[in-house]
Amino acid sequence: MEYFLQALFWCPSCWRSLGRAMFTVCGLLAIAGVRLQLRVERVERKTGVFIDLDKALESLPIPTSAEGVALAAFGAVLGLALAFAGKWAQKT
């Protein structure tokens, strides 16, 4: 833990940049996953055909399950916490 605090005070702008990047990437992935699920549910409701996205989207990092969206949201919150920690370290 001491190592992380030393790294935080050594380069707080690095932590802010890393936090912003994590927040942006994970947030966009979570939003894309939710939008994709809503579209699939709408198509399934209108047509009555079940769409299996697991095989179709194996190579894309878009979360298609509730667990994946929750993990992406957790990554976004963690990125936000890193950015705030970097901002706090720059003030002190």
PDB file of N, CA and C in Angstrom:
ATOM      1  N   MET A   1       0.816  -1.178   0.000  1.00  0.00           N
ATOM      2  CA  MET A   1       0.000   0.000   0.000  1.00  0.00           C
ATOM      3  C   MET A   1       0.869   1.254   0.000  1.00  0.00           C
ATOM      4  N   GLU A   2       1.971   1.184   0.710  1.00  0.00           N
ATOM      5  CA  GLU A   2       2.874   2.331   0.767  1.00  0.00           C
ATOM      6  C   GLU A   2       3.453   2.650  -0.609  1.00  0.00           C
ATOM      7  N   TYR A   3       3.697   1.606  -1.381  1.00  0.00           N
ATOM      8  CA  TYR A   3       4.233   1.790  -2.736  1.00  0.00           C
ATOM      9  C   TYR A   3       3.255   2.580  -3.601  1.00  0.00           C
ATOM     10  N   PHE A   4       1.953   2.276  -3.475  1.00  0.00           N
ATOM     11  CA  PHE A   4       0.956   2.983  -4.264  1.00  0.00           C
ATOM     12  C   PHE A   4       0.853   4.444  -3.845  1.00  0.00           C
ATOM     13  N   LEU A   5       0.951   4.702  -2.559  1.00  0.00           N
ATOM     14  CA  LEU A   5       0.905   6.085  -2.105  1.00  0.00           C
ATOM     15  C   LEU A   5       2.127   6.868  -2.570  1.00  0.00           C
ATOM     16  N   GLN A   6       3.303   6.235  -2.550  1.00  0.00           N
ATOM     17  CA  GLN A   6       4.502   6.906  -3.054  1.00  0.00           C
ATOM     18  C   GLN A   6       4.367   7.194  -4.539  1.00  0.00           C
ATOM     19  N   ALA A   7       3.816   6.256  -5.297  1.00  0.00           N
ATOM     20  CA  ALA A   7       3.618   6.469  -6.729  1.00  0.00           C
ATOM     21  C   ALA A   7       2.583   7.563  -6.970  1.00  0.00           C
ATOM     22  N   LEU A   8       1.575   7.636  -6.104  1.00  0.00           N
ATOM     23  CA  LEU A   8       0.550   8.662  -6.236  1.00  0.00           C
ATOM     24  C   LEU A   8       1.139  10.049  -6.049  1.00  0.00           C
ATOM     25  N   PHE A   9       1.977  10.217  -5.036  1.00  0.00           N
ATOM     26  CA  PHE A   9       2.574  11.531  -4.798  1.00  0.00           C
ATOM     27  C   PHE A   9       3.738  11.822  -5.732  1.00  0.00           C
ATOM     28  N   TRP A  10       4.322  10.784  -6.336  1.00  0.00           N
ATOM     29  CA  TRP A  10       5.424  11.001  -7.272  1.00  0.00           C
ATOM     30  C   TRP A  10       4.905  11.538  -8.599  1.00  0.00           C
ATOM     31  N   CYS A  11       3.789  11.005  -9.085  1.00  0.00           N
ATOM     32  CA  CYS A  11       3.249  11.433 -10.376  1.00  0.00           C
ATOM     33  C   CYS A  11       1.717  11.476 -10.318  1.00  0.00           C
ATOM     34  N   PRO A  12       1.146  12.498  -9.681  1.00  0.00           N
ATOM     35  CA  PRO A  12      -0.321  12.548  -9.587  1.00  0.00           C
ATOM     36  C   PRO A  12      -0.996  12.774 -10.939  1.00  0.00           C
ATOM     37  N   SER A  13      -0.328  13.447 -11.858  1.00  0.00           N
ATOM     38  CA  SER A  13      -0.945  13.660 -13.170  1.00  0.00           C
ATOM     39  C   SER A  13      -1.050  12.349 -13.942  1.00  0.00           C
ATOM     40  N   CYS A  14      -0.122  11.416 -13.687  1.00  0.00           N
ATOM     41  CA  CYS A  14      -0.221  10.093 -14.323  1.00  0.00           C
ATOM     42  C   CYS A  14      -1.459   9.357 -13.828  1.00  0.00           C
ATOM     43  N   TRP A  15      -1.744   9.457 -12.538  1.00  0.00           N
ATOM     44  CA  TRP A  15      -2.915   8.800 -11.965  1.00  0.00           C
ATOM     45  C   TRP A  15      -4.192   9.439 -12.504  1.00  0.00           C
ATOM     46  N   ARG A  16      -4.177  10.753 -12.653  1.00  0.00           N
ATOM     47  CA  ARG A  16      -5.346  11.428 -13.212  1.00  0.00           C
ATOM     48  C   ARG A  16      -5.581  11.001 -14.644  1.00  0.00           C
ATOM     49  N   SER A  17      -4.511  10.908 -15.430  1.00  0.00           N
ATOM     50  CA  SER A  17      -4.645  10.481 -16.832  1.00  0.00           C
ATOM     51  C   SER A  17      -5.123   9.046 -16.923  1.00  0.00           C
ATOM     52  N   LEU A  18      -4.562   8.170 -16.095  1.00  0.00           N
ATOM     53  CA  LEU A  18      -4.976   6.770 -16.086  1.00  0.00           C
ATOM     54  C   LEU A  18      -6.438   6.645 -15.652  1.00  0.00           C
ATOM     55  N   GLY A  19      -6.825   7.397 -14.650  1.00  0.00           N
ATOM     56  CA  GLY A  19      -8.213   7.371 -14.188  1.00  0.00           C
ATOM     57  C   GLY A  19      -9.179   7.871 -15.237  1.00  0.00           C
ATOM     58  N   ARG A  20      -8.828   8.940 -15.917  1.00  0.00           N
ATOM     59  CA  ARG A  20      -9.684   9.459 -16.981  1.00  0.00           C
ATOM     60  C   ARG A  20      -9.822   8.457 -18.117  1.00  0.00           C
ATOM     61  N   ALA A  21      -8.712   7.831 -18.485  1.00  0.00           N
ATOM     62  CA  ALA A  21      -8.747   6.836 -19.558  1.00  0.00           C
ATOM     63  C   ALA A  21      -9.614   5.634 -19.162  1.00  0.00           C
ATOM     64  N   MET A  22      -9.440   5.160 -17.929  1.00  0.00           N
ATOM     65  CA  MET A  22     -10.256   4.035 -17.459  1.00  0.00           C
ATOM     66  C   MET A  22     -11.733   4.398 -17.431  1.00  0.00           C
ATOM     67  N   PHE A  23     -12.039   5.592 -16.945  1.00  0.00           N
ATOM     68  CA  PHE A  23     -13.431   6.034 -16.882  1.00  0.00           C
ATOM     69  C   PHE A  23     -14.039   6.119 -18.274  1.00  0.00           C
ATOM     70  N   THR A  24     -13.294   6.672 -19.216  1.00  0.00           N
ATOM     71  CA  THR A  24     -13.802   6.828 -20.575  1.00  0.00           C
ATOM     72  C   THR A  24     -14.026   5.480 -21.244  1.00  0.00           C
ATOM     73  N   VAL A  25     -13.026   4.628 -21.207  1.00  0.00           N
ATOM     74  CA  VAL A  25     -13.127   3.339 -21.886  1.00  0.00           C
ATOM     75  C   VAL A  25     -14.201   2.459 -21.259  1.00  0.00           C
ATOM     76  N   CYS A  26     -14.155   2.315 -19.959  1.00  0.00           N
ATOM     77  CA  CYS A  26     -15.132   1.443 -19.281  1.00  0.00           C
ATOM     78  C   CYS A  26     -16.542   2.016 -19.371  1.00  0.00           C
ATOM     79  N   GLY A  27     -16.668   3.310 -19.269  1.00  0.00           N
ATOM     80  CA  GLY A  27     -17.981   3.928 -19.397  1.00  0.00           C
ATOM     81  C   GLY A  27     -18.570   3.736 -20.778  1.00  0.00           C
ATOM     82  N   LEU A  28     -17.745   3.913 -21.805  1.00  0.00           N
ATOM     83  CA  LEU A  28     -18.229   3.696 -23.171  1.00  0.00           C
ATOM     84  C   LEU A  28     -18.591   2.241 -23.413  1.00  0.00           C
ATOM     85  N   LEU A  29     -17.807   1.318 -22.867  1.00  0.00           N
ATOM     86  CA  LEU A  29     -18.138  -0.095 -23.016  1.00  0.00           C
ATOM     87  C   LEU A  29     -19.452  -0.442 -22.312  1.00  0.00           C
ATOM     88  N   ALA A  30     -19.667   0.101 -21.140  1.00  0.00           N
ATOM     89  CA  ALA A  30     -20.911  -0.161 -20.414  1.00  0.00           C
ATOM     90  C   ALA A  30     -22.109   0.401 -21.175  1.00  0.00           C
ATOM     91  N   ILE A  31     -21.975   1.604 -21.684  1.00  0.00           N
ATOM     92  CA  ILE A  31     -23.061   2.218 -22.444  1.00  0.00           C
ATOM     93  C   ILE A  31     -23.329   1.437 -23.724  1.00  0.00           C
ATOM     94  N   ALA A  32     -22.278   1.022 -24.421  1.00  0.00           N
ATOM     95  CA  ALA A  32     -22.453   0.246 -25.647  1.00  0.00           C
ATOM     96  C   ALA A  32     -23.134  -1.086 -25.364  1.00  0.00           C
ATOM     97  N   GLY A  33     -22.770  -1.722 -24.266  1.00  0.00           N
ATOM     98  CA  GLY A  33     -23.400  -2.988 -23.900  1.00  0.00           C
ATOM     99  C   GLY A  33     -24.872  -2.834 -23.597  1.00  0.00           C
ATOM    100  N   VAL A  34     -25.225  -1.790 -22.865  1.00  0.00           N
ATOM    101  CA  VAL A  34     -26.632  -1.558 -22.529  1.00  0.00           C
ATOM    102  C   VAL A  34     -27.425  -1.232 -23.786  1.00  0.00           C
ATOM    103  N   ARG A  35     -26.874  -0.394 -24.650  1.00  0.00           N
ATOM    104  CA  ARG A  35     -27.573  -0.042 -25.888  1.00  0.00           C
ATOM    105  C   ARG A  35     -27.774  -1.260 -26.770  1.00  0.00           C
ATOM    106  N   LEU A  36     -26.757  -2.114 -26.852  1.00  0.00           N
ATOM    107  CA  LEU A  36     -26.864  -3.321 -27.665  1.00  0.00           C
ATOM    108  C   LEU A  36     -27.933  -4.255 -27.112  1.00  0.00           C
ATOM    109  N   GLN A  37     -27.962  -4.420 -25.803  1.00  0.00           N
ATOM    110  CA  GLN A  37     -28.969  -5.281 -25.190  1.00  0.00           C
ATOM    111  C   GLN A  37     -30.377  -4.737 -25.421  1.00  0.00           C
ATOM    112  N   LEU A  38     -30.556  -3.418 -25.327  1.00  0.00           N
ATOM    113  CA  LEU A  38     -31.873  -2.835 -25.560  1.00  0.00           C
ATOM    114  C   LEU A  38     -32.329  -3.052 -27.001  1.00  0.00           C
ATOM    115  N   ARG A  39     -31.399  -2.914 -27.936  1.00  0.00           N
ATOM    116  CA  ARG A  39     -31.752  -3.150 -29.338  1.00  0.00           C
ATOM    117  C   ARG A  39     -32.103  -4.599 -29.591  1.00  0.00           C
ATOM    118  N   VAL A  40     -31.337  -5.500 -29.021  1.00  0.00           N
ATOM    119  CA  VAL A  40     -31.610  -6.928 -29.208  1.00  0.00           C
ATOM    120  C   VAL A  40     -32.960  -7.286 -28.604  1.00  0.00           C
ATOM    121  N   GLU A  41     -33.263  -6.780 -27.426  1.00  0.00           N
ATOM    122  CA  GLU A  41     -34.555  -7.057 -26.800  1.00  0.00           C
ATOM    123  C   GLU A  41     -35.698  -6.512 -27.642  1.00  0.00           C
ATOM    124  N   ARG A  42     -35.510  -5.340 -28.227  1.00  0.00           N
ATOM    125  CA  ARG A  42     -36.549  -4.760 -29.071  1.00  0.00           C
ATOM    126  C   ARG A  42     -36.778  -5.610 -30.325  1.00  0.00           C
ATOM    127  N   VAL A  43     -35.684  -6.077 -30.949  1.00  0.00           N
ATOM    128  CA  VAL A  43     -35.808  -6.925 -32.130  1.00  0.00           C
ATOM    129  C   VAL A  43     -36.453  -8.257 -31.768  1.00  0.00           C
ATOM    130  N   GLU A  44     -36.050  -8.830 -30.654  1.00  0.00           N
ATOM    131  CA  GLU A  44     -36.641 -10.099 -30.218  1.00  0.00           C
ATOM    132  C   GLU A  44     -38.132  -9.942 -29.928  1.00  0.00           C
ATOM    133  N   ARG A  45     -38.506  -8.831 -29.336  1.00  0.00           N
ATOM    134  CA  ARG A  45     -39.906  -8.592 -29.024  1.00  0.00           C
ATOM    135  C   ARG A  45     -40.740  -8.417 -30.293  1.00  0.00           C
ATOM    136  N   LYS A  46     -40.207  -7.698 -31.284  1.00  0.00           N
ATOM    137  CA  LYS A  46     -40.955  -7.437 -32.508  1.00  0.00           C
ATOM    138  C   LYS A  46     -41.046  -8.670 -33.398  1.00  0.00           C
ATOM    139  N   THR A  47     -39.943  -9.419 -33.498  1.00  0.00           N
ATOM    140  CA  THR A  47     -39.923 -10.545 -34.426  1.00  0.00           C
ATOM    141  C   THR A  47     -40.250 -11.871 -33.766  1.00  0.00           C
ATOM    142  N   GLY A  48     -40.010 -12.005 -32.490  1.00  0.00           N
ATOM    143  CA  GLY A  48     -40.231 -13.260 -31.801  1.00  0.00           C
ATOM    144  C   GLY A  48     -39.103 -14.264 -31.989  1.00  0.00           C
ATOM    145  N   VAL A  49     -37.990 -13.830 -32.571  1.00  0.00           N
ATOM    146  CA  VAL A  49     -36.843 -14.703 -32.819  1.00  0.00           C
ATOM    147  C   VAL A  49     -35.788 -14.440 -31.749  1.00  0.00           C
ATOM    148  N   PHE A  50     -35.258 -15.522 -31.157  1.00  0.00           N
ATOM    149  CA  PHE A  50     -34.205 -15.399 -30.149  1.00  0.00           C
ATOM    150  C   PHE A  50     -32.867 -15.168 -30.836  1.00  0.00           C
ATOM    151  N   ILE A  51     -32.119 -14.153 -30.405  1.00  0.00           N
ATOM    152  CA  ILE A  51     -30.820 -13.823 -30.983  1.00  0.00           C
ATOM    153  C   ILE A  51     -29.740 -14.174 -29.967  1.00  0.00           C
ATOM    154  N   ASP A  52     -28.816 -15.060 -30.369  1.00  0.00           N
ATOM    155  CA  ASP A  52     -27.714 -15.458 -29.498  1.00  0.00           C
ATOM    156  C   ASP A  52     -26.484 -14.628 -29.855  1.00  0.00           C
ATOM    157  N   LEU A  53     -26.145 -13.673 -28.997  1.00  0.00           N
ATOM    158  CA  LEU A  53     -25.030 -12.768 -29.283  1.00  0.00           C
ATOM    159  C   LEU A  53     -23.682 -13.293 -28.808  1.00  0.00           C
ATOM    160  N   ASP A  54     -23.672 -14.335 -28.021  1.00  0.00           N
ATOM    161  CA  ASP A  54     -22.413 -14.833 -27.480  1.00  0.00           C
ATOM    162  C   ASP A  54     -21.454 -15.268 -28.582  1.00  0.00           C
ATOM    163  N   LYS A  55     -21.944 -15.980 -29.547  1.00  0.00           N
ATOM    164  CA  LYS A  55     -21.086 -16.449 -30.635  1.00  0.00           C
ATOM    165  C   LYS A  55     -20.766 -15.334 -31.622  1.00  0.00           C
ATOM    166  N   ALA A  56     -21.701 -14.440 -31.836  1.00  0.00           N
ATOM    167  CA  ALA A  56     -21.500 -13.376 -32.821  1.00  0.00           C
ATOM    168  C   ALA A  56     -20.526 -12.311 -32.332  1.00  0.00           C
ATOM    169  N   LEU A  57     -20.486 -12.087 -31.031  1.00  0.00           N
ATOM    170  CA  LEU A  57     -19.665 -10.994 -30.493  1.00  0.00           C
ATOM    171  C   LEU A  57     -18.495 -11.486 -29.650  1.00  0.00           C
ATOM    172  N   GLU A  58     -17.969 -12.654 -29.951  1.00  0.00           N
ATOM    173  CA  GLU A  58     -16.851 -13.187 -29.164  1.00  0.00           C
ATOM    174  C   GLU A  58     -15.609 -12.308 -29.254  1.00  0.00           C
ATOM    175  N   SER A  59     -15.332 -11.762 -30.422  1.00  0.00           N
ATOM    176  CA  SER A  59     -14.089 -11.015 -30.599  1.00  0.00           C
ATOM    177  C   SER A  59     -14.197  -9.555 -30.153  1.00  0.00           C
ATOM    178  N   LEU A  60     -15.395  -9.047 -29.948  1.00  0.00           N
ATOM    179  CA  LEU A  60     -15.558  -7.658 -29.526  1.00  0.00           C
ATOM    180  C   LEU A  60     -15.587  -7.570 -28.004  1.00  0.00           C
ATOM    181  N   PRO A  61     -15.024  -6.515 -27.439  1.00  0.00           N
ATOM    182  CA  PRO A  61     -15.001  -6.393 -25.971  1.00  0.00           C
ATOM    183  C   PRO A  61     -16.266  -5.789 -25.385  1.00  0.00           C
ATOM    184  N   ILE A  62     -17.361  -5.777 -26.135  1.00  0.00           N
ATOM    185  CA  ILE A  62     -18.604  -5.188 -25.634  1.00  0.00           C
ATOM    186  C   ILE A  62     -19.283  -6.175 -24.696  1.00  0.00           C
ATOM    187  N   PRO A  63     -19.585  -5.760 -23.468  1.00  0.00           N
ATOM    188  CA  PRO A  63     -20.255  -6.671 -22.537  1.00  0.00           C
ATOM    189  C   PRO A  63     -21.712  -6.867 -22.939  1.00  0.00           C
ATOM    190  N   THR A  64     -22.124  -8.124 -23.070  1.00  0.00           N
ATOM    191  CA  THR A  64     -23.499  -8.409 -23.475  1.00  0.00           C
ATOM    192  C   THR A  64     -24.319  -9.004 -22.337  1.00  0.00           C
ATOM    193  N   SER A  65     -23.713  -9.253 -21.204  1.00  0.00           N
ATOM    194  CA  SER A  65     -24.453  -9.799 -20.072  1.00  0.00           C
ATOM    195  C   SER A  65     -24.507  -8.754 -18.957  1.00  0.00           C
ATOM    196  N   ALA A  66     -25.349  -9.021 -17.992  1.00  0.00           N
ATOM    197  CA  ALA A  66     -25.472  -8.098 -16.857  1.00  0.00           C
ATOM    198  C   ALA A  66     -24.174  -8.044 -16.059  1.00  0.00           C
ATOM    199  N   GLU A  67     -23.499  -9.193 -15.940  1.00  0.00           N
ATOM    200  CA  GLU A  67     -22.224  -9.221 -15.208  1.00  0.00           C
ATOM    201  C   GLU A  67     -21.162  -8.393 -15.928  1.00  0.00           C
ATOM    202  N   GLY A  68     -21.130  -8.465 -17.242  1.00  0.00           N
ATOM    203  CA  GLY A  68     -20.157  -7.693 -18.011  1.00  0.00           C
ATOM    204  C   GLY A  68     -20.388  -6.198 -17.899  1.00  0.00           C
ATOM    205  N   VAL A  69     -21.643  -5.806 -17.949  1.00  0.00           N
ATOM    206  CA  VAL A  69     -21.974  -4.382 -17.803  1.00  0.00           C
ATOM    207  C   VAL A  69     -21.614  -3.903 -16.400  1.00  0.00           C
ATOM    208  N   ALA A  70     -21.878  -4.736 -15.393  1.00  0.00           N
ATOM    209  CA  ALA A  70     -21.531  -4.364 -14.015  1.00  0.00           C
ATOM    210  C   ALA A  70     -20.022  -4.242 -13.848  1.00  0.00           C
ATOM    211  N   LEU A  71     -19.270  -5.137 -14.477  1.00  0.00           N
ATOM    212  CA  LEU A  71     -17.814  -5.050 -14.404  1.00  0.00           C
ATOM    213  C   LEU A  71     -17.300  -3.797 -15.101  1.00  0.00           C
ATOM    214  N   ALA A  72     -17.874  -3.453 -16.244  1.00  0.00           N
ATOM    215  CA  ALA A  72     -17.469  -2.227 -16.934  1.00  0.00           C
ATOM    216  C   ALA A  72     -17.827  -0.994 -16.107  1.00  0.00           C
ATOM    217  N   ALA A  73     -18.976  -1.003 -15.471  1.00  0.00           N
ATOM    218  CA  ALA A  73     -19.361   0.123 -14.612  1.00  0.00           C
ATOM    219  C   ALA A  73     -18.427   0.228 -13.413  1.00  0.00           C
ATOM    220  N   PHE A  74     -18.026  -0.916 -12.843  1.00  0.00           N
ATOM    221  CA  PHE A  74     -17.066  -0.898 -11.738  1.00  0.00           C
ATOM    222  C   PHE A  74     -15.732  -0.312 -12.194  1.00  0.00           C
ATOM    223  N   GLY A  75     -15.284  -0.667 -13.400  1.00  0.00           N
ATOM    224  CA  GLY A  75     -14.050  -0.099 -13.936  1.00  0.00           C
ATOM    225  C   GLY A  75     -14.160   1.406 -14.106  1.00  0.00           C
ATOM    226  N   ALA A  76     -15.331   1.886 -14.528  1.00  0.00           N
ATOM    227  CA  ALA A  76     -15.534   3.325 -14.671  1.00  0.00           C
ATOM    228  C   ALA A  76     -15.473   4.026 -13.321  1.00  0.00           C
ATOM    229  N   VAL A  77     -16.084   3.427 -12.312  1.00  0.00           N
ATOM    230  CA  VAL A  77     -16.055   4.020 -10.962  1.00  0.00           C
ATOM    231  C   VAL A  77     -14.628   3.997 -10.414  1.00  0.00           C
ATOM    232  N   LEU A  78     -13.898   2.924 -10.652  1.00  0.00           N
ATOM    233  CA  LEU A  78     -12.511   2.847 -10.211  1.00  0.00           C
ATOM    234  C   LEU A  78     -11.654   3.906 -10.915  1.00  0.00           C
ATOM    235  N   GLY A  79     -11.892   4.111 -12.199  1.00  0.00           N
ATOM    236  CA  GLY A  79     -11.179   5.162 -12.921  1.00  0.00           C
ATOM    237  C   GLY A  79     -11.488   6.538 -12.366  1.00  0.00           C
ATOM    238  N   LEU A  80     -12.745   6.759 -12.015  1.00  0.00           N
ATOM    239  CA  LEU A  80     -13.127   8.031 -11.412  1.00  0.00           C
ATOM    240  C   LEU A  80     -12.436   8.234 -10.072  1.00  0.00           C
ATOM    241  N   ALA A  81     -12.328   7.161  -9.289  1.00  0.00           N
ATOM    242  CA  ALA A  81     -11.637   7.249  -7.997  1.00  0.00           C
ATOM    243  C   ALA A  81     -10.153   7.540  -8.194  1.00  0.00           C
ATOM    244  N   LEU A  82      -9.533   6.929  -9.194  1.00  0.00           N
ATOM    245  CA  LEU A  82      -8.118   7.212  -9.471  1.00  0.00           C
ATOM    246  C   LEU A  82      -7.923   8.666  -9.886  1.00  0.00           C
ATOM    247  N   ALA A  83      -8.827   9.174 -10.702  1.00  0.00           N
ATOM    248  CA  ALA A  83      -8.713  10.566 -11.139  1.00  0.00           C
ATOM    249  C   ALA A  83      -8.869  11.519  -9.954  1.00  0.00           C
ATOM    250  N   PHE A  84      -9.820  11.232  -9.064  1.00  0.00           N
ATOM    251  CA  PHE A  84      -9.990  12.083  -7.884  1.00  0.00           C
ATOM    252  C   PHE A  84      -8.796  11.978  -6.939  1.00  0.00           C
ATOM    253  N   ALA A  85      -8.219  10.787  -6.823  1.00  0.00           N
ATOM    254  CA  ALA A  85      -7.021  10.636  -5.973  1.00  0.00           C
ATOM    255  C   ALA A  85      -5.848  11.423  -6.545  1.00  0.00           C
ATOM    256  N   GLY A  86      -5.695  11.397  -7.856  1.00  0.00           N
ATOM    257  CA  GLY A  86      -4.646  12.189  -8.483  1.00  0.00           C
ATOM    258  C   GLY A  86      -4.855  13.683  -8.304  1.00  0.00           C
ATOM    259  N   LYS A  87      -6.112  14.110  -8.394  1.00  0.00           N
ATOM    260  CA  LYS A  87      -6.417  15.526  -8.182  1.00  0.00           C
ATOM    261  C   LYS A  87      -6.134  15.938  -6.745  1.00  0.00           C
ATOM    262  N   TRP A  88      -6.497  15.045  -5.804  1.00  0.00           N
ATOM    263  CA  TRP A  88      -6.231  15.332  -4.392  1.00  0.00           C
ATOM    264  C   TRP A  88      -4.724  15.405  -4.137  1.00  0.00           C
ATOM    265  N   ALA A  89      -3.954  14.511  -4.754  1.00  0.00           N
ATOM    266  CA  ALA A  89      -2.510  14.504  -4.545  1.00  0.00           C
ATOM    267  C   ALA A  89      -1.853  15.735  -5.151  1.00  0.00           C
ATOM    268  N   GLN A  90      -2.402  16.260  -6.220  1.00  0.00           N
ATOM    269  CA  GLN A  90      -1.827  17.470  -6.813  1.00  0.00           C
ATOM    270  C   GLN A  90      -2.067  18.685  -5.930  1.00  0.00           C
ATOM    271  N   LYS A  91      -3.160  18.685  -5.180  1.00  0.00           N
ATOM    272  CA  LYS A  91      -3.454  19.818  -4.306  1.00  0.00           C
ATOM    273  C   LYS A  91      -2.545  19.832  -3.080  1.00  0.00           C
ATOM    274  N   THR A  92      -2.130  18.649  -2.595  1.00  0.00           N
ATOM    275  CA  THR A  92      -1.319  18.607  -1.376  1.00  0.00           C
ATOM    276  C   THR A  92       0.141  18.722  -1.671  1.00  0.00           C
TER     277      THR A  92
END
